[in-house]
Every structure is written in structure tokens, then in C-alpha cells.
Protein backbone atom coordinates (compact mmCIF):
# COMPACT_ATOMS: atom_id res chain seq x y z
CA UNK A 1 61.32 104.43 90.23
CA UNK A 2 62.18 105.11 93.84
CA UNK A 3 60.17 107.57 95.72
CA UNK A 4 61.36 110.21 98.20
CA UNK A 5 60.46 109.81 101.92
CA UNK A 6 58.28 112.93 101.73
CA UNK A 7 56.36 111.26 98.81
CA UNK A 8 55.83 108.06 100.43
CA UNK A 9 54.80 109.89 103.84
CA UNK A 10 51.86 111.34 101.83
CA UNK A 11 50.74 108.07 100.68
CA UNK A 12 50.33 106.96 104.39
CA UNK A 13 53.79 105.45 105.63
CA UNK A 14 54.63 106.40 108.81
CA UNK A 15 57.87 104.46 109.60
CA UNK A 16 60.79 106.00 107.74
CA UNK A 17 62.77 102.86 108.38
CA UNK A 18 60.74 100.91 105.76
CA UNK A 19 61.38 103.53 103.18
CA UNK A 20 64.35 102.69 100.51
CA UNK A 21 67.38 104.72 101.28
CA UNK A 22 67.68 105.66 97.51
CA UNK A 23 71.62 104.90 97.50
CA UNK A 24 73.06 102.80 94.92
CA UNK A 25 73.44 99.15 95.60
CA UNK A 26 76.99 99.59 94.52
CA UNK A 27 77.75 102.17 96.95
CA UNK A 28 76.47 100.61 100.07
CA UNK A 29 77.75 96.89 99.47
CA UNK A 30 81.05 97.42 101.05
CA UNK A 31 79.57 98.86 104.42
CA UNK A 32 77.62 95.38 104.45
CA UNK A 33 75.06 97.53 106.90
CA UNK A 34 71.20 96.70 106.77
CA UNK A 35 68.93 98.57 104.12
CA UNK A 36 66.75 99.52 107.74
CA UNK A 37 69.93 100.97 109.28
CA UNK A 38 71.24 103.03 106.38
CA UNK A 39 67.78 104.69 105.71
CA UNK A 40 67.43 105.38 109.62
CA UNK A 41 70.87 107.36 109.73
CA UNK A 42 70.22 109.19 106.27
CA UNK A 43 66.53 110.17 107.31
CA UNK A 44 66.46 113.51 109.02
CA UNK A 45 62.74 114.26 110.04
CA UNK A 46 61.51 117.83 110.25
CA UNK A 47 58.12 117.22 111.36
CA UNK A 48 55.93 113.85 111.79
CA UNK A 49 52.30 113.77 112.63
CA UNK A 50 51.31 111.80 115.94
CA UNK A 51 50.06 108.44 115.62
CA UNK A 52 46.07 108.09 115.71
CA UNK A 53 43.28 108.04 113.52
CA UNK A 54 42.56 111.87 114.43
CA UNK A 55 45.48 112.74 112.60
CA UNK A 56 46.49 113.29 108.90
CA UNK A 57 49.38 110.87 108.26
CA UNK A 58 51.89 113.40 107.28
CA UNK A 59 55.62 113.48 107.53
CA UNK A 60 58.34 116.26 106.19
CA UNK A 61 61.58 114.77 105.91
CA UNK A 62 65.21 115.66 104.66
CA UNK A 63 66.14 114.94 101.21
CA UNK A 64 69.81 114.52 100.75
CA UNK A 65 71.14 117.26 98.51
CA UNK A 66 74.57 116.24 98.07
CA UNK A 67 76.59 113.06 97.19
CA UNK A 68 80.29 112.87 97.80
CA UNK A 69 83.14 110.44 98.89
CA UNK A 70 81.65 110.82 102.48
CA UNK A 71 79.34 108.13 103.20
CA UNK A 72 75.72 109.59 104.08
CA UNK A 73 75.10 107.33 106.92
CA UNK A 74 78.36 108.67 109.03
CA UNK A 75 78.46 111.54 111.59
CA UNK A 76 81.10 112.98 109.67
CA UNK A 77 78.82 113.65 106.36
CA UNK A 78 76.12 115.31 108.33
CA UNK A 79 78.91 117.44 110.39
CA UNK A 80 79.93 118.71 106.61
CA UNK A 81 76.70 118.85 105.43
CA UNK A 82 73.70 119.79 108.14
CA UNK A 83 70.13 118.85 107.34
CA UNK A 84 67.80 121.81 106.14
CA UNK A 85 70.04 123.78 104.62
CA UNK A 86 69.78 123.92 100.52
CA UNK A 87 72.54 123.47 98.37
CA UNK A 88 72.62 122.90 94.54
CA UNK A 89 72.20 119.25 93.83
CA UNK A 90 74.54 117.82 90.76
CA UNK A 91 73.16 116.89 87.42
CA UNK A 92 74.18 113.28 86.77
CA UNK A 93 73.38 111.26 83.83
CA UNK A 94 71.72 108.30 85.14
CA UNK A 95 73.05 104.63 84.84
CA UNK A 96 70.50 102.09 85.53
CA UNK A 97 71.62 99.49 87.89
CA UNK A 98 71.46 96.61 85.37
CA UNK A 99 73.92 98.53 83.00
CA UNK A 100 76.53 99.43 85.72
CA UNK A 101 79.87 97.72 84.87
CA UNK A 102 82.50 99.26 87.29
CA UNK A 103 83.33 97.64 90.30
CA UNK A 104 85.97 97.70 93.01
CA UNK A 105 88.96 95.83 91.83
CA UNK A 106 88.51 96.59 88.09
CA UNK A 107 91.62 97.46 86.54
CA UNK A 108 90.93 101.00 84.57
CA UNK A 109 93.01 103.46 82.26
CA UNK A 110 92.60 107.14 83.18
CA UNK A 111 92.08 109.21 80.08
CA UNK A 112 91.82 112.61 81.37
CA UNK A 113 94.19 114.91 83.74
CA UNK A 114 97.77 114.60 85.08
CA UNK A 115 97.55 110.72 85.24
CA UNK A 116 96.37 110.05 81.67
CA UNK A 117 97.52 106.98 80.43
CA UNK A 118 98.22 105.36 83.44
CA UNK A 119 96.34 102.27 84.54
CA UNK A 120 95.03 101.41 88.24
CA UNK A 121 92.63 99.48 90.22
CA UNK A 122 89.04 101.17 91.39
CA UNK A 123 88.88 101.16 95.15
CA UNK A 124 85.74 103.16 95.52
CA UNK A 125 82.30 103.39 93.98
CA UNK A 126 80.10 106.51 94.35
CA UNK A 127 76.87 105.12 92.17
CA UNK A 128 75.01 108.54 92.71
CA UNK A 129 77.51 110.48 90.90
CA UNK A 130 78.66 108.27 88.63
CA UNK A 131 81.95 108.42 90.28
CA UNK A 132 84.86 105.80 91.12
CA UNK A 133 88.29 106.71 92.70
CA UNK A 134 91.48 104.52 91.29
CA UNK A 135 93.92 103.54 93.89
CA UNK A 136 97.18 106.21 94.02
CA UNK A 137 95.99 108.00 90.76
CA UNK A 138 94.39 111.18 90.34
CA UNK A 139 95.60 112.77 93.67
CA UNK A 140 95.48 115.70 95.53
CA UNK A 141 97.55 116.45 98.78
CA UNK A 142 95.73 117.79 101.97
CA UNK A 143 97.21 119.22 105.01
CA UNK A 144 95.39 118.17 108.06
CA UNK A 145 95.95 118.92 111.85
CA UNK A 146 97.77 122.21 110.81
CA UNK A 147 97.81 124.73 114.09
CA UNK A 148 100.38 127.42 115.31
CA UNK A 149 102.40 124.99 117.01
CA UNK A 150 102.42 122.21 114.55
CA UNK A 151 102.81 122.25 110.84
CA UNK A 152 100.42 119.80 110.20
CA UNK A 153 100.43 116.56 107.99
CA UNK A 154 100.03 116.00 104.41
CA UNK A 155 98.16 113.09 103.27
CA UNK A 156 97.57 112.01 99.50
CA UNK A 157 93.88 111.79 98.76
CA UNK A 158 92.20 110.41 95.38
CA UNK A 159 89.85 112.65 93.45
CA UNK A 160 86.54 111.26 91.82
CA UNK A 161 86.45 109.94 88.20
CA UNK A 162 83.29 109.78 85.97
CA UNK A 163 82.86 106.66 84.64
CA UNK A 164 81.17 107.63 81.49
CA UNK A 165 84.21 109.94 80.52
CA UNK A 166 87.26 109.69 82.30
CA UNK A 167 88.35 105.92 82.36
CA UNK A 168 87.73 102.94 80.66
CA UNK A 169 88.04 99.06 81.44
CA UNK A 170 91.52 97.62 80.18
CA UNK A 171 90.89 94.67 78.06
CA UNK A 172 92.73 91.59 79.80
CA UNK A 173 94.03 90.27 76.20
CA UNK A 174 95.97 93.36 75.08
CA UNK A 175 95.92 95.47 78.17
CA UNK A 176 94.54 98.30 76.53
CA UNK A 177 91.30 100.37 77.29
CA UNK A 178 87.98 99.25 75.09
CA UNK A 179 84.63 99.39 75.18
CA UNK A 180 82.48 97.24 77.24
CA UNK A 181 78.97 95.85 76.98
CA UNK A 182 77.05 93.40 78.64
CA UNK A 183 76.23 90.16 77.12
CA UNK A 184 74.94 86.53 77.62
CA UNK A 185 76.81 83.63 77.13
CA UNK A 186 75.45 80.05 76.00
CA UNK A 187 75.04 79.20 79.42
CA UNK A 188 72.73 82.33 79.98
CA UNK A 189 75.51 83.82 82.13
CA UNK A 190 75.77 87.78 82.14
CA UNK A 191 79.08 88.75 81.82
CA UNK A 192 80.98 91.66 80.46
CA UNK A 193 82.69 91.75 76.80
CA UNK A 194 85.23 93.51 75.18
CA UNK A 195 83.87 95.20 71.84
CA UNK A 196 87.06 95.05 70.34
CA UNK A 197 88.19 91.87 71.15
CA UNK A 198 85.08 89.94 72.19
CA UNK A 199 86.77 88.64 75.05
CA UNK A 200 85.44 88.37 78.40
CA UNK A 201 86.33 90.70 81.54
CA UNK A 202 85.69 88.71 84.46
CA UNK A 203 84.21 90.18 87.62
CA UNK A 204 87.04 91.04 90.28
CA UNK A 205 87.09 89.30 93.50
CA UNK A 206 87.39 92.31 95.44
CA UNK A 207 83.82 93.07 94.22
CA UNK A 208 82.22 90.78 96.81
CA UNK A 209 84.51 92.15 99.37
CA UNK A 210 82.81 93.97 102.19
CA UNK A 211 84.33 95.72 105.55
CA UNK A 212 83.61 92.14 107.44
CA UNK A 213 84.94 89.68 105.13
CA UNK A 214 87.09 88.93 101.98
CA UNK A 215 84.65 86.75 100.36
CA UNK A 216 81.29 85.11 101.28
CA UNK A 217 82.77 81.66 101.00
CA UNK A 218 85.55 82.21 103.57
CA UNK A 219 83.36 83.98 106.23
CA UNK A 220 83.59 82.15 109.39
CA UNK A 221 80.34 82.47 111.68
CA UNK A 222 80.90 83.97 115.29
CA UNK A 223 79.10 81.39 117.50
CA UNK A 224 78.35 84.15 120.09
CA UNK A 225 76.94 86.44 117.68
CA UNK A 226 75.88 85.09 114.24
CA UNK A 227 72.75 82.86 113.94
CA UNK A 228 73.50 79.54 111.60
CA UNK A 229 71.59 79.62 108.57
CA UNK A 230 70.39 76.13 109.57
CA UNK A 231 68.76 77.81 112.77
CA UNK A 232 67.10 80.22 110.53
CA UNK A 233 65.42 77.69 108.28
CA UNK A 234 64.46 75.57 110.97
CA UNK A 235 60.74 76.51 112.48
CA UNK A 236 60.85 76.67 115.92
CA UNK A 237 57.70 78.32 116.70
CA UNK A 238 53.95 77.33 115.40
CA UNK A 239 51.33 79.85 115.82
CA UNK A 240 47.98 79.11 117.18
CA UNK A 241 44.92 81.20 118.28
CA UNK A 242 45.13 80.53 121.94
CA UNK A 243 46.49 82.42 124.89
CA UNK A 244 49.48 81.34 127.21
CA UNK A 245 47.16 79.90 129.99
CA UNK A 246 45.51 77.49 127.10
CA UNK A 247 49.30 76.45 125.98
CA UNK A 248 50.12 75.82 129.61
CA UNK A 249 46.71 73.67 129.94
CA UNK A 250 47.28 72.03 126.80
CA UNK A 251 50.49 70.75 127.70
CA UNK A 252 49.58 69.39 131.02
CA UNK A 253 46.62 67.78 129.70
CA UNK A 254 44.04 69.61 131.43
CA UNK A 255 40.38 70.03 129.62
CA UNK A 256 38.38 73.10 130.52
CA UNK A 257 34.78 72.49 130.40
CA UNK A 258 33.49 75.87 131.96
CA UNK A 259 31.38 77.83 129.42
CA UNK A 260 32.20 81.88 130.05
CA UNK A 261 29.63 84.26 129.99
CA UNK A 262 29.04 86.29 126.92
CA UNK A 263 30.67 90.17 127.52
CA UNK A 264 29.92 93.04 125.67
CA UNK A 265 32.20 95.75 124.61
CA UNK A 266 31.00 99.45 123.86
């Protein structure tokens, strides 16, 4: 169970950056951002007690009230949803992370709306609302940049679909929608299996794609920015109970024979 920032603050946690963001794993995977950065961007603090033993550890932080297609760590999200302004929170049927089976690149069929019966590929996941968007389907037209001198520009946007009601995964054997469940193979590999045909629905390659790379195996390290895995595993520092001066003396072979006087601190 994930706790809110306020509850964790009551338990003595001071730094909001160590608190889990509370966002779904498959929502944040594509951004490829560290959890610490996302938590810092979505945490809006109204009050935080000063540091010191004389103060009660207390913090009042804003909890995200709305989850939509805008990413909550972006500036455009907070421009549209300012903090400390309460709104109605949508009631969502919870789906456990281990039971989630809709990923970017999956082929699905739409069951409702004007595009009912059409098939397409998932291109975005909003796990907190049980939403996905399908590339080129279930769209609406939006006019942007309209003014007195300019008629604006019309663009097409995909509207979200509920995974529990509006879509179904497509069985690759007959290209028809099917009920799907998680099962294990003889090699103890967890796979998605069609309940109708018993065939395995493979994980799409687009599921591991991020904004930085198409696949982990094809990612090339940037020598000027990235640290090689071998360098991370190599231990280059050995901690010791000594000062900087002691390390210098040890490296130069200097022996200290003087005995310091006792000192008292009150």
C-alpha cells in the first residue's frame, strides 16, 4: 500500500524526494525519468516544519487530485490544474500492477463509440485512470491558436479508452478480440494467454521503448554523459576511520608518535 506524502510526513519523513510518487509504473516508464525527480516535480508543499529537534516533524503537501493525459510532472499540467484548489477526484476501479496486461504497442479492438470494431495499436498508457489511447482511433478535433486575425489550426487528438470496458486485446491466431489472462509456461515464464485459443500473446517491442531509446539492447552509451556499467560496479573508494591528513601521512609513510591531550566538550 502506497502512502500519501502527508501520511509519510506525519511518520517523520522530512524529505519529500524519498517518498514514492504514487504514479503507475507503466505511466512513467516511457518518460525514463528517475523516481526522485518525478516525486520532486509533483510534490507541492504548503507547509514544512523547520529542521531541528525543537520542532515537530510536520509537513502539509498537495495530493494530486486529477489524472489525465497531461503528465503530472510537466509544467503544462500545473498550469491547467493549480495546486491547493480542490476538485472532484474520479473513482477508478483498481487494477493491481501484476494484473495489468495492456502495454504500448499492443493490438486492440475498440468495443464502443464511433470506431467500434476497428483495430489499432496502443500508444499511451495512463495507469491511474485505467486509460489507454489507440493510435488514430477514437479521436476528436481541436482548434488551437485561434484569434481575430487567424482562424487557428485544427488538430486531431486521441481520446482515452477504459481498458476494462472499451477495448480488448486481439488474439494473433485469428485476429479477433479475446479474453486474456496471465499464466506461466513450463519454463516458469509469465505470459499473456488467450482464453479462447490458448495461444500466447507476445509482449510488444514498443513496451520497453522510452523517450531515450527504442530498445535497451540497442542503446549506445554517451561517453561524455553516461557512466559505463563496469565503472559503476568497480569499487574505487574504500572508507576509513581517518582524516584527510591521516591519509596523506599514510601515503607518505609518516609515523605519528605524539599523543594528543584529552579534550572535553560540554
